[in-house]
Amino acid sequence: MITSNIPFILVLILLAATFIQSAYDKTMYWQDNLSWLKGHFAQTPIKNMVPASLFLILVLELVSGILCLAGCLQLIMNNQRTFGFYGAVMSCVTLLFLLVGQRMAKDYDGARTIVIYFIPALLACYWMS
């Protein structure tokens, strides 16, 4: 029944919107993002891997967002949680990659912001399992 799945659907929509919008932004403004990130990571061990890292994050965000969206549809259509669970897990993995990057760059405010997204993603993992 859809009413019993509303909390799950809302969290999956939050994660899907977050990651799909972020992937869209990276795609449409690739050069701007790349320029800013090269400066952001200039003093880190990944300073020479910024383009590859940005592409990796783009792929992780797309996979996370698409799985979360598919999870919403699956919950609505047949009350199953498989895609939602995988979307939540991928969201956590993506956020951990982002968190490590922010910590490497010593951007502790940015890392703290990522934790705010990590909490509902982790709850979704728990709820969907």
Protein backbone atom coordinates (compact mmCIF):
# COMPACT_ATOMS: atom_id res chain seq x y z
CA MET A 1 0.00 0.00 0.00
CA ILE A 2 1.38 3.40 -0.99
CA THR A 3 0.50 5.18 2.27
CA SER A 4 2.71 2.86 4.29
CA ASN A 5 5.62 3.63 1.94
CA ILE A 6 5.36 7.43 2.00
CA PRO A 7 8.37 7.96 4.34
CA PHE A 8 10.53 5.70 2.15
CA ILE A 9 9.37 7.42 -1.03
CA LEU A 10 10.05 10.88 0.40
CA VAL A 11 13.62 9.99 1.42
CA LEU A 12 14.28 8.38 -1.96
CA ILE A 13 12.93 11.48 -3.72
CA LEU A 14 15.22 13.66 -1.58
CA LEU A 15 18.24 11.56 -2.57
CA ALA A 16 17.21 11.29 -6.23
CA ALA A 17 16.68 15.05 -6.53
CA THR A 18 19.98 15.75 -4.81
CA PHE A 19 22.06 13.49 -6.99
CA ILE A 20 20.31 14.00 -10.33
CA GLN A 21 20.47 17.78 -9.93
CA SER A 22 24.14 17.59 -8.95
CA ALA A 23 24.96 15.34 -11.92
CA TYR A 24 23.09 17.73 -14.21
CA ASP A 25 25.07 20.66 -12.82
CA LYS A 26 28.37 18.82 -13.33
CA THR A 27 27.41 17.93 -16.90
CA MET A 28 26.14 21.36 -17.93
CA TYR A 29 28.92 23.33 -16.19
CA TRP A 30 31.79 20.86 -16.50
CA GLN A 31 34.53 23.44 -17.16
CA ASP A 32 33.40 25.74 -14.36
CA ASN A 33 33.29 22.83 -11.90
CA LEU A 34 36.65 21.53 -13.08
CA SER A 35 38.32 24.92 -12.72
CA TRP A 36 36.97 25.42 -9.21
CA LEU A 37 37.84 21.88 -8.12
CA LYS A 38 41.42 22.14 -9.42
CA GLY A 39 41.93 25.03 -7.03
CA HIS A 40 40.03 23.30 -4.24
CA PHE A 41 42.23 20.18 -4.46
CA ALA A 42 45.52 21.92 -5.40
CA GLN A 43 47.19 20.98 -2.11
CA THR A 44 45.91 17.38 -1.94
CA PRO A 45 47.21 14.02 -3.16
CA ILE A 46 44.52 13.98 -5.89
CA LYS A 47 45.54 17.33 -7.42
CA ASN A 48 46.51 15.59 -10.69
CA MET A 49 43.39 13.40 -10.76
CA VAL A 50 40.70 16.08 -10.55
CA PRO A 51 39.12 15.47 -14.00
CA ALA A 52 38.95 11.70 -13.43
CA SER A 53 37.65 12.22 -9.89
CA LEU A 54 34.97 14.61 -11.12
CA PHE A 55 33.89 12.08 -13.74
CA LEU A 56 33.79 9.30 -11.12
CA ILE A 57 31.60 11.43 -8.85
CA LEU A 58 29.35 12.28 -11.80
CA VAL A 59 28.85 8.56 -12.55
CA LEU A 60 28.26 7.71 -8.88
CA GLU A 61 25.70 10.51 -8.57
CA LEU A 62 23.86 9.42 -11.71
CA VAL A 63 23.72 5.79 -10.60
CA SER A 64 22.59 6.80 -7.10
CA GLY A 65 19.91 9.16 -8.38
CA ILE A 66 18.55 6.77 -10.99
CA LEU A 67 18.40 3.87 -8.51
CA CYS A 68 16.58 6.05 -5.97
CA LEU A 69 14.10 7.15 -8.62
CA ALA A 70 13.62 3.53 -9.72
CA GLY A 71 13.15 2.64 -6.05
CA CYS A 72 10.30 5.14 -5.76
CA LEU A 73 8.60 3.70 -8.80
CA GLN A 74 9.09 0.14 -7.58
CA LEU A 75 7.58 0.97 -4.19
CA ILE A 76 4.58 2.64 -5.81
CA MET A 77 3.99 -0.05 -8.44
CA ASN A 78 4.61 -3.31 -6.60
CA ASN A 79 5.54 -2.48 -2.99
CA GLN A 80 9.09 -3.85 -3.33
CA ARG A 81 12.24 -2.20 -1.97
CA THR A 82 15.08 -3.71 -4.01
CA PHE A 83 15.96 -0.65 -6.10
CA GLY A 84 15.35 1.66 -3.17
CA PHE A 85 17.81 -0.31 -1.06
CA TYR A 86 20.48 -0.25 -3.77
CA GLY A 87 19.82 3.44 -4.34
CA ALA A 88 20.26 4.17 -0.65
CA VAL A 89 23.47 2.12 -0.49
CA MET A 90 24.88 3.84 -3.58
CA SER A 91 23.91 7.20 -2.09
CA CYS A 92 25.93 6.38 1.03
CA VAL A 93 28.90 5.27 -1.08
CA THR A 94 28.72 8.45 -3.16
CA LEU A 95 28.48 10.63 -0.07
CA LEU A 96 31.46 8.85 1.49
CA PHE A 97 33.53 9.59 -1.63
CA LEU A 98 32.48 13.24 -1.40
CA LEU A 99 33.22 13.33 2.33
CA VAL A 100 36.73 11.94 1.86
CA GLY A 101 37.41 14.55 -0.81
CA GLN A 102 36.24 17.39 1.40
CA ARG A 103 38.35 16.14 4.29
CA MET A 104 41.39 15.85 2.03
CA ALA A 105 40.88 19.46 0.94
CA LYS A 106 40.48 20.42 4.62
CA ASP A 107 37.03 21.81 3.84
CA TYR A 108 35.46 20.84 7.13
CA ASP A 109 32.30 22.90 6.59
CA GLY A 110 31.76 21.10 3.28
CA ALA A 111 32.33 17.75 4.99
CA ARG A 112 29.81 18.66 7.67
CA THR A 113 27.23 19.47 4.99
CA ILE A 114 27.73 16.04 3.41
CA VAL A 115 27.00 14.38 6.77
CA ILE A 116 23.59 16.10 6.73
CA TYR A 117 22.77 14.18 3.53
CA PHE A 118 24.39 11.00 4.81
CA ILE A 119 21.96 10.67 7.73
CA PRO A 120 18.78 10.19 5.63
CA ALA A 121 20.71 8.00 3.16
CA LEU A 122 21.84 5.75 6.00
CA LEU A 123 18.32 5.67 7.45
CA ALA A 124 17.02 4.66 4.02
CA CYS A 125 19.51 1.77 3.96
CA TYR A 126 18.24 0.61 7.32
CA TRP A 127 14.56 1.03 6.42
CA MET A 128 14.89 -0.67 3.03
CA SER A 129 16.83 -3.69 4.29
